[in-house]
Amino acid sequence: MDHLTWQKSSFVESETNYLEIASDGDLVYIRESDNHDLVVTTTRAKLNAWILGAKDGEFDHFVGL
């Protein structure tokens, strides 16, 4: 996975542990910044469905909003 360009959210600011995301064609990779060996892989379609749900508030109860 050395060929991937990882990106973090601009909302991270000075946090030392955060999520990073990268893509390679139709696949999307998500990892924690402090554990590069543990990577979750999904497709763009599945991530898109999750993001739409998050924008709609479906997962707010996980973060206490």
PDB file of N, CA and C in Angstrom:
ATOM      1  N   MET A   1       0.813  -1.203   0.000  1.00  0.00           N
ATOM      2  CA  MET A   1       0.000   0.000   0.000  1.00  0.00           C
ATOM      3  C   MET A   1       0.850   1.258   0.000  1.00  0.00           C
ATOM      4  N   ASP A   2       2.107   1.100  -0.306  1.00  0.00           N
ATOM      5  CA  ASP A   2       3.007   2.260  -0.350  1.00  0.00           C
ATOM      6  C   ASP A   2       2.639   3.226  -1.471  1.00  0.00           C
ATOM      7  N   HIS A   3       1.899   2.759  -2.467  1.00  0.00           N
ATOM      8  CA  HIS A   3       1.538   3.602  -3.608  1.00  0.00           C
ATOM      9  C   HIS A   3       0.355   4.530  -3.302  1.00  0.00           C
ATOM     10  N   LEU A   4      -0.320   4.326  -2.180  1.00  0.00           N
ATOM     11  CA  LEU A   4      -1.500   5.122  -1.849  1.00  0.00           C
ATOM     12  C   LEU A   4      -1.124   6.477  -1.257  1.00  0.00           C
ATOM     13  N   THR A   5      -1.942   7.471  -1.544  1.00  0.00           N
ATOM     14  CA  THR A   5      -1.779   8.785  -0.947  1.00  0.00           C
ATOM     15  C   THR A   5      -2.871   8.943   0.104  1.00  0.00           C
ATOM     16  N   TRP A   6      -2.475   8.958   1.369  1.00  0.00           N
ATOM     17  CA  TRP A   6      -3.417   9.009   2.474  1.00  0.00           C
ATOM     18  C   TRP A   6      -3.788  10.451   2.788  1.00  0.00           C
ATOM     19  N   GLN A   7      -5.052  10.647   3.158  1.00  0.00           N
ATOM     20  CA  GLN A   7      -5.570  11.982   3.458  1.00  0.00           C
ATOM     21  C   GLN A   7      -6.307  11.939   4.792  1.00  0.00           C
ATOM     22  N   LYS A   8      -6.134  12.990   5.586  1.00  0.00           N
ATOM     23  CA  LYS A   8      -6.886  13.114   6.829  1.00  0.00           C
ATOM     24  C   LYS A   8      -7.842  14.296   6.714  1.00  0.00           C
ATOM     25  N   SER A   9      -8.813  14.341   7.593  1.00  0.00           N
ATOM     26  CA  SER A   9      -9.777  15.427   7.588  1.00  0.00           C
ATOM     27  C   SER A   9      -9.127  16.737   8.030  1.00  0.00           C
ATOM     28  N   SER A  10      -9.590  17.830   7.477  1.00  0.00           N
ATOM     29  CA  SER A  10      -9.090  19.135   7.900  1.00  0.00           C
ATOM     30  C   SER A  10      -9.594  19.491   9.296  1.00  0.00           C
ATOM     31  N   PHE A  11     -10.564  18.741   9.820  1.00  0.00           N
ATOM     32  CA  PHE A  11     -11.096  18.979  11.156  1.00  0.00           C
ATOM     33  C   PHE A  11     -10.233  18.348  12.246  1.00  0.00           C
ATOM     34  N   VAL A  12      -9.193  17.601  11.870  1.00  0.00           N
ATOM     35  CA  VAL A  12      -8.332  16.918  12.828  1.00  0.00           C
ATOM     36  C   VAL A  12      -7.550  17.910  13.675  1.00  0.00           C
ATOM     37  N   GLU A  13      -7.085  18.990  13.090  1.00  0.00           N
ATOM     38  CA  GLU A  13      -6.265  20.015  13.741  1.00  0.00           C
ATOM     39  C   GLU A  13      -5.028  19.388  14.356  1.00  0.00           C
ATOM     40  N   SER A  14      -4.908  19.382  15.686  1.00  0.00           N
ATOM     41  CA  SER A  14      -3.666  18.915  16.320  1.00  0.00           C
ATOM     42  C   SER A  14      -3.802  17.530  16.952  1.00  0.00           C
ATOM     43  N   GLU A  15      -4.856  16.797  16.629  1.00  0.00           N
ATOM     44  CA  GLU A  15      -5.022  15.449  17.170  1.00  0.00           C
ATOM     45  C   GLU A  15      -3.859  14.561  16.726  1.00  0.00           C
ATOM     46  N   THR A  16      -3.456  13.639  17.585  1.00  0.00           N
ATOM     47  CA  THR A  16      -2.362  12.736  17.226  1.00  0.00           C
ATOM     48  C   THR A  16      -2.861  11.397  16.699  1.00  0.00           C
ATOM     49  N   ASN A  17      -4.129  11.082  16.920  1.00  0.00           N
ATOM     50  CA  ASN A  17      -4.698   9.840  16.421  1.00  0.00           C
ATOM     51  C   ASN A  17      -5.970  10.180  15.655  1.00  0.00           C
ATOM     52  N   TYR A  18      -6.012   9.804  14.395  1.00  0.00           N
ATOM     53  CA  TYR A  18      -7.130  10.167  13.529  1.00  0.00           C
ATOM     54  C   TYR A  18      -7.260   9.146  12.415  1.00  0.00           C
ATOM     55  N   LEU A  19      -8.357   9.217  11.677  1.00  0.00           N
ATOM     56  CA  LEU A  19      -8.554   8.337  10.536  1.00  0.00           C
ATOM     57  C   LEU A  19      -7.952   8.946   9.281  1.00  0.00           C
ATOM     58  N   GLU A  20      -7.417   8.075   8.436  1.00  0.00           N
ATOM     59  CA  GLU A  20      -6.896   8.480   7.133  1.00  0.00           C
ATOM     60  C   GLU A  20      -7.617   7.664   6.072  1.00  0.00           C
ATOM     61  N   ILE A  21      -7.756   8.231   4.885  1.00  0.00           N
ATOM     62  CA  ILE A  21      -8.463   7.557   3.802  1.00  0.00           C
ATOM     63  C   ILE A  21      -7.658   7.696   2.516  1.00  0.00           C
ATOM     64  N   ALA A  22      -7.714   6.667   1.692  1.00  0.00           N
ATOM     65  CA  ALA A  22      -7.037   6.678   0.391  1.00  0.00           C
ATOM     66  C   ALA A  22      -7.885   5.870  -0.580  1.00  0.00           C
ATOM     67  N   SER A  23      -7.649   6.081  -1.874  1.00  0.00           N
ATOM     68  CA  SER A  23      -8.392   5.303  -2.867  1.00  0.00           C
ATOM     69  C   SER A  23      -7.447   4.827  -3.967  1.00  0.00           C
ATOM     70  N   ASP A  24      -7.886   3.754  -4.595  1.00  0.00           N
ATOM     71  CA  ASP A  24      -7.121   3.137  -5.677  1.00  0.00           C
ATOM     72  C   ASP A  24      -8.141   2.524  -6.635  1.00  0.00           C
ATOM     73  N   GLY A  25      -8.569   3.291  -7.610  1.00  0.00           N
ATOM     74  CA  GLY A  25      -9.617   2.802  -8.505  1.00  0.00           C
ATOM     75  C   GLY A  25     -10.949   2.793  -7.790  1.00  0.00           C
ATOM     76  N   ASP A  26     -11.619   1.630  -7.760  1.00  0.00           N
ATOM     77  CA  ASP A  26     -12.930   1.519  -7.119  1.00  0.00           C
ATOM     78  C   ASP A  26     -12.822   1.208  -5.630  1.00  0.00           C
ATOM     79  N   LEU A  27     -11.631   0.898  -5.146  1.00  0.00           N
ATOM     80  CA  LEU A  27     -11.464   0.557  -3.738  1.00  0.00           C
ATOM     81  C   LEU A  27     -11.081   1.771  -2.909  1.00  0.00           C
ATOM     82  N   VAL A  28     -11.587   1.778  -1.674  1.00  0.00           N
ATOM     83  CA  VAL A  28     -11.277   2.838  -0.720  1.00  0.00           C
ATOM     84  C   VAL A  28     -10.684   2.160   0.516  1.00  0.00           C
ATOM     85  N   TYR A  29      -9.627   2.757   1.065  1.00  0.00           N
ATOM     86  CA  TYR A  29      -8.922   2.211   2.220  1.00  0.00           C
ATOM     87  C   TYR A  29      -9.033   3.202   3.372  1.00  0.00           C
ATOM     88  N   ILE A  30      -9.296   2.682   4.571  1.00  0.00           N
ATOM     89  CA  ILE A  30      -9.404   3.520   5.757  1.00  0.00           C
ATOM     90  C   ILE A  30      -8.511   2.913   6.834  1.00  0.00           C
ATOM     91  N   ARG A  31      -7.725   3.764   7.499  1.00  0.00           N
ATOM     92  CA  ARG A  31      -6.848   3.279   8.561  1.00  0.00           C
ATOM     93  C   ARG A  31      -6.746   4.332   9.660  1.00  0.00           C
ATOM     94  N   GLU A  32      -6.257   3.902  10.819  1.00  0.00           N
ATOM     95  CA  GLU A  32      -5.970   4.836  11.898  1.00  0.00           C
ATOM     96  C   GLU A  32      -4.530   5.302  11.752  1.00  0.00           C
ATOM     97  N   SER A  33      -4.293   6.545  12.066  1.00  0.00           N
ATOM     98  CA  SER A  33      -2.961   7.114  11.871  1.00  0.00           C
ATOM     99  C   SER A  33      -1.891   6.444  12.721  1.00  0.00           C
ATOM    100  N   ASP A  34      -2.275   5.881  13.861  1.00  0.00           N
ATOM    101  CA  ASP A  34      -1.284   5.260  14.737  1.00  0.00           C
ATOM    102  C   ASP A  34      -1.162   3.751  14.542  1.00  0.00           C
ATOM    103  N   ASN A  35      -1.881   3.186  13.553  1.00  0.00           N
ATOM    104  CA  ASN A  35      -1.793   1.753  13.275  1.00  0.00           C
ATOM    105  C   ASN A  35      -1.931   1.524  11.773  1.00  0.00           C
ATOM    106  N   HIS A  36      -0.861   1.751  11.044  1.00  0.00           N
ATOM    107  CA  HIS A  36      -0.885   1.659   9.581  1.00  0.00           C
ATOM    108  C   HIS A  36      -1.081   0.239   9.070  1.00  0.00           C
ATOM    109  N   ASP A  37      -0.910  -0.754   9.922  1.00  0.00           N
ATOM    110  CA  ASP A  37      -1.059  -2.139   9.489  1.00  0.00           C
ATOM    111  C   ASP A  37      -2.510  -2.606   9.467  1.00  0.00           C
ATOM    112  N   LEU A  38      -3.394  -1.914  10.182  1.00  0.00           N
ATOM    113  CA  LEU A  38      -4.807  -2.280  10.229  1.00  0.00           C
ATOM    114  C   LEU A  38      -5.582  -1.386   9.274  1.00  0.00           C
ATOM    115  N   VAL A  39      -6.000  -1.961   8.135  1.00  0.00           N
ATOM    116  CA  VAL A  39      -6.672  -1.200   7.075  1.00  0.00           C
ATOM    117  C   VAL A  39      -8.000  -1.859   6.752  1.00  0.00           C
ATOM    118  N   VAL A  40      -9.046  -1.061   6.694  1.00  0.00           N
ATOM    119  CA  VAL A  40     -10.359  -1.521   6.271  1.00  0.00           C
ATOM    120  C   VAL A  40     -10.520  -1.135   4.803  1.00  0.00           C
ATOM    121  N   THR A  41     -10.977  -2.059   3.979  1.00  0.00           N
ATOM    122  CA  THR A  41     -11.163  -1.810   2.555  1.00  0.00           C
ATOM    123  C   THR A  41     -12.645  -1.904   2.224  1.00  0.00           C
ATOM    124  N   THR A  42     -13.124  -0.980   1.402  1.00  0.00           N
ATOM    125  CA  THR A  42     -14.506  -0.987   0.947  1.00  0.00           C
ATOM    126  C   THR A  42     -14.542  -0.461  -0.487  1.00  0.00           C
ATOM    127  N   THR A  43     -15.729  -0.370  -1.042  1.00  0.00           N
ATOM    128  CA  THR A  43     -15.858   0.187  -2.390  1.00  0.00           C
ATOM    129  C   THR A  43     -16.336   1.630  -2.299  1.00  0.00           C
ATOM    130  N   ARG A  44     -16.179   2.365  -3.386  1.00  0.00           N
ATOM    131  CA  ARG A  44     -16.663   3.743  -3.436  1.00  0.00           C
ATOM    132  C   ARG A  44     -18.180   3.795  -3.240  1.00  0.00           C
ATOM    133  N   ALA A  45     -18.909   2.834  -3.802  1.00  0.00           N
ATOM    134  CA  ALA A  45     -20.373   2.809  -3.681  1.00  0.00           C
ATOM    135  C   ALA A  45     -20.797   2.614  -2.227  1.00  0.00           C
ATOM    136  N   LYS A  46     -20.154   1.697  -1.521  1.00  0.00           N
ATOM    137  CA  LYS A  46     -20.496   1.458  -0.119  1.00  0.00           C
ATOM    138  C   LYS A  46     -20.132   2.657   0.753  1.00  0.00           C
ATOM    139  N   LEU A  47     -18.979   3.254   0.504  1.00  0.00           N
ATOM    140  CA  LEU A  47     -18.591   4.436   1.269  1.00  0.00           C
ATOM    141  C   LEU A  47     -19.539   5.588   0.993  1.00  0.00           C
ATOM    142  N   ASN A  48     -19.961   5.741  -0.246  1.00  0.00           N
ATOM    143  CA  ASN A  48     -20.907   6.796  -0.604  1.00  0.00           C
ATOM    144  C   ASN A  48     -22.218   6.623   0.163  1.00  0.00           C
ATOM    145  N   ALA A  49     -22.721   5.395   0.246  1.00  0.00           N
ATOM    146  CA  ALA A  49     -23.954   5.137   0.995  1.00  0.00           C
ATOM    147  C   ALA A  49     -23.776   5.482   2.464  1.00  0.00           C
ATOM    148  N   TRP A  50     -22.624   5.147   3.030  1.00  0.00           N
ATOM    149  CA  TRP A  50     -22.366   5.454   4.439  1.00  0.00           C
ATOM    150  C   TRP A  50     -22.284   6.960   4.658  1.00  0.00           C
ATOM    151  N   ILE A  51     -21.583   7.666   3.782  1.00  0.00           N
ATOM    152  CA  ILE A  51     -21.456   9.120   3.919  1.00  0.00           C
ATOM    153  C   ILE A  51     -22.817   9.801   3.815  1.00  0.00           C
ATOM    154  N   LEU A  52     -23.651   9.353   2.895  1.00  0.00           N
ATOM    155  CA  LEU A  52     -24.993   9.931   2.784  1.00  0.00           C
ATOM    156  C   LEU A  52     -25.791   9.697   4.069  1.00  0.00           C
ATOM    157  N   GLY A  53     -25.659   8.512   4.659  1.00  0.00           N
ATOM    158  CA  GLY A  53     -26.324   8.223   5.931  1.00  0.00           C
ATOM    159  C   GLY A  53     -25.786   9.113   7.049  1.00  0.00           C
ATOM    160  N   ALA A  54     -24.466   9.314   7.072  1.00  0.00           N
ATOM    161  CA  ALA A  54     -23.864  10.176   8.097  1.00  0.00           C
ATOM    162  C   ALA A  54     -24.334  11.619   7.941  1.00  0.00           C
ATOM    163  N   LYS A  55     -24.392  12.097   6.721  1.00  0.00           N
ATOM    164  CA  LYS A  55     -24.880  13.457   6.479  1.00  0.00           C
ATOM    165  C   LYS A  55     -26.341  13.616   6.904  1.00  0.00           C
ATOM    166  N   ASP A  56     -27.098  12.524   6.838  1.00  0.00           N
ATOM    167  CA  ASP A  56     -28.510  12.551   7.198  1.00  0.00           C
ATOM    168  C   ASP A  56     -28.730  12.323   8.698  1.00  0.00           C
ATOM    169  N   GLY A  57     -27.644  12.115   9.443  1.00  0.00           N
ATOM    170  CA  GLY A  57     -27.736  11.963  10.891  1.00  0.00           C
ATOM    171  C   GLY A  57     -27.976  10.558  11.391  1.00  0.00           C
ATOM    172  N   GLU A  58     -27.890   9.551  10.528  1.00  0.00           N
ATOM    173  CA  GLU A  58     -28.185   8.176  10.918  1.00  0.00           C
ATOM    174  C   GLU A  58     -27.227   7.625  11.973  1.00  0.00           C
ATOM    175  N   PHE A  59     -26.023   8.180  12.082  1.00  0.00           N
ATOM    176  CA  PHE A  59     -25.016   7.640  12.993  1.00  0.00           C
ATOM    177  C   PHE A  59     -24.669   8.597  14.122  1.00  0.00           C
ATOM    178  N   ASP A  60     -25.432   9.649  14.292  1.00  0.00           N
ATOM    179  CA  ASP A  60     -25.141  10.637  15.325  1.00  0.00           C
ATOM    180  C   ASP A  60     -25.101  10.037  16.727  1.00  0.00           C
ATOM    181  N   HIS A  61     -25.889   9.003  16.978  1.00  0.00           N
ATOM    182  CA  HIS A  61     -25.922   8.402  18.310  1.00  0.00           C
ATOM    183  C   HIS A  61     -24.589   7.751  18.697  1.00  0.00           C
ATOM    184  N   PHE A  62     -23.725   7.461  17.725  1.00  0.00           N
ATOM    185  CA  PHE A  62     -22.414   6.892  18.039  1.00  0.00           C
ATOM    186  C   PHE A  62     -21.453   7.923  18.617  1.00  0.00           C
ATOM    187  N   VAL A  63     -21.687   9.183  18.337  1.00  0.00           N
ATOM    188  CA  VAL A  63     -20.776  10.229  18.818  1.00  0.00           C
ATOM    189  C   VAL A  63     -21.453  11.192  19.778  1.00  0.00           C
ATOM    190  N   GLY A  64     -22.651  10.869  20.199  1.00  0.00           N
ATOM    191  CA  GLY A  64     -23.335  11.661  21.205  1.00  0.00           C
ATOM    192  C   GLY A  64     -23.838  13.008  20.724  1.00  0.00           C
ATOM    193  N   LEU A  65     -24.155  13.124  19.437  1.00  0.00           N
ATOM    194  CA  LEU A  65     -24.665  14.397  18.923  1.00  0.00           C
ATOM    195  C   LEU A  65     -26.160  14.510  19.152  1.00  0.00           C
TER     196      LEU A  65
END
